[in-house]
Amino acid sequence: MRRPSIPEIMGQIVLLILFAALSADLFSALHVLPCGHPDAGHGCYPWGTGAGGSFWYYRSKELYVGSALVQLIGIALAAFAPLWAPNPRSGLLALILIAVSVPLLIQVIGLIL
């Protein structure tokens, strides 16, 4: 493992902030009722109500949690990629490519489902 360069560290910090935000959303989503539920209050999630628009992962809580876990794994892989890359240029490129490809992968999965 090598020490990341300054641009790689900046990218890792951005990914860490994104990871923390998505983790908080995932943990809150695990404990919130869908908006269609009679006991749902403020802050409900639109699973299965059609209010999620064209986003496939709002079809059910399981899909939402699964897609969030895939995103978290992808962000973690992107953040650690510079540590395994042989030089700073390939490390930064790996960080960017992984971070961009994971949301695209999630959309492809949505087209299949």
Protein backbone atom coordinates (compact mmCIF):
# COMPACT_ATOMS: atom_id res chain seq x y z
CA MET A 1 0.00 0.00 0.00
CA ARG A 2 1.19 3.49 -0.77
CA ARG A 3 0.33 6.85 0.72
CA PRO A 4 -2.34 8.72 -1.31
CA SER A 5 -1.58 12.08 -2.92
CA ILE A 6 -3.36 15.30 -1.94
CA PRO A 7 -5.99 15.07 -4.75
CA GLU A 8 -6.68 11.46 -3.79
CA ILE A 9 -7.07 12.42 -0.14
CA MET A 10 -9.50 15.19 -1.12
CA GLY A 11 -11.53 12.66 -3.13
CA GLN A 12 -11.47 10.26 -0.19
CA ILE A 13 -12.77 13.00 2.12
CA VAL A 14 -15.66 13.72 -0.27
CA LEU A 15 -16.46 10.01 -0.44
CA LEU A 16 -16.28 9.72 3.35
CA ILE A 17 -18.82 12.52 3.72
CA LEU A 18 -21.07 10.85 1.13
CA PHE A 19 -20.64 7.51 2.90
CA ALA A 20 -21.69 9.05 6.22
CA ALA A 21 -24.75 10.73 4.67
CA LEU A 22 -25.89 7.55 2.91
CA SER A 23 -25.28 5.48 6.04
CA ALA A 24 -27.43 7.86 8.08
CA ASP A 25 -30.17 7.68 5.44
CA LEU A 26 -29.99 3.88 5.38
CA PHE A 27 -30.28 3.60 9.16
CA SER A 28 -33.20 6.02 9.26
CA ALA A 29 -34.90 4.19 6.38
CA LEU A 30 -34.71 0.92 8.29
CA HIS A 31 -36.90 2.37 11.05
CA VAL A 32 -39.38 4.49 9.08
CA LEU A 33 -42.79 3.37 7.87
CA PRO A 34 -43.93 3.74 4.26
CA CYS A 35 -46.11 6.77 3.51
CA GLY A 36 -49.09 4.52 2.68
CA HIS A 37 -49.15 3.04 6.19
CA PRO A 38 -51.93 4.38 8.48
CA ASP A 39 -49.46 5.07 11.31
CA ALA A 40 -46.92 6.84 9.08
CA GLY A 41 -46.13 10.33 10.21
CA HIS A 42 -43.78 13.03 9.05
CA GLY A 43 -40.60 11.73 7.41
CA CYS A 44 -42.13 8.60 5.89
CA TYR A 45 -40.62 6.95 2.82
CA PRO A 46 -42.67 6.53 -0.40
CA TRP A 47 -42.15 2.76 -0.80
CA GLY A 48 -44.79 1.20 -2.99
CA THR A 49 -46.90 4.36 -3.21
CA GLY A 50 -45.82 5.57 -6.63
CA ALA A 51 -44.64 8.83 -5.05
CA GLY A 52 -41.03 7.82 -5.61
CA GLY A 53 -41.40 8.72 -9.27
CA SER A 54 -39.36 6.76 -11.76
CA PHE A 55 -36.86 5.53 -9.20
CA TRP A 56 -37.12 1.74 -9.13
CA TYR A 57 -35.63 1.41 -5.66
CA TYR A 58 -38.73 3.03 -4.13
CA ARG A 59 -40.86 0.05 -5.17
CA SER A 60 -40.16 -1.64 -1.82
CA LYS A 61 -38.16 -1.19 1.34
CA GLU A 62 -36.03 -4.23 0.46
CA LEU A 63 -35.01 -2.74 -2.90
CA TYR A 64 -34.21 0.60 -1.27
CA VAL A 65 -32.04 -1.00 1.42
CA GLY A 66 -30.34 -3.26 -1.13
CA SER A 67 -29.49 -0.40 -3.47
CA ALA A 68 -28.19 1.65 -0.52
CA LEU A 69 -25.91 -1.22 0.51
CA VAL A 70 -24.56 -1.51 -3.05
CA GLN A 71 -23.89 2.23 -3.05
CA LEU A 72 -22.08 2.04 0.29
CA ILE A 73 -19.91 -0.85 -0.89
CA GLY A 74 -19.07 1.04 -4.08
CA ILE A 75 -18.16 4.19 -2.18
CA ALA A 76 -15.93 2.20 0.17
CA LEU A 77 -14.19 0.51 -2.77
CA ALA A 78 -13.68 3.88 -4.48
CA ALA A 79 -12.26 5.42 -1.30
CA PHE A 80 -9.76 2.59 -0.81
CA ALA A 81 -8.77 2.32 -4.48
CA PRO A 82 -5.90 4.86 -4.22
CA LEU A 83 -4.27 2.76 -1.53
CA TRP A 84 -3.93 -0.19 -3.91
CA ALA A 85 -3.05 1.75 -7.06
CA PRO A 86 0.60 1.79 -8.14
CA ASN A 87 0.77 5.58 -8.67
CA PRO A 88 -1.26 8.72 -7.91
CA ARG A 89 -2.65 9.08 -11.43
CA SER A 90 -4.07 5.57 -11.54
CA GLY A 91 -5.30 5.93 -7.95
CA LEU A 92 -7.26 9.07 -8.73
CA LEU A 93 -8.57 7.54 -11.94
CA ALA A 94 -9.71 4.41 -10.09
CA LEU A 95 -11.39 6.53 -7.41
CA ILE A 96 -13.32 8.52 -10.01
CA LEU A 97 -14.24 5.56 -12.22
CA ILE A 98 -15.54 3.46 -9.34
CA ALA A 99 -17.45 6.38 -7.82
CA VAL A 100 -19.11 7.14 -11.17
CA SER A 101 -19.76 3.56 -12.25
CA VAL A 102 -21.60 2.44 -9.10
CA PRO A 103 -24.63 4.75 -9.61
CA LEU A 104 -24.71 3.70 -13.27
CA LEU A 105 -24.62 0.05 -12.21
CA ILE A 106 -27.54 0.65 -9.88
CA GLN A 107 -29.56 2.18 -12.75
CA VAL A 108 -28.75 -0.82 -14.96
CA ILE A 109 -29.95 -3.14 -12.21
CA GLY A 110 -33.15 -1.10 -12.12
CA LEU A 111 -33.67 -1.66 -15.85
CA ILE A 112 -33.31 -5.40 -15.33
CA LEU A 113 -35.71 -5.49 -12.40
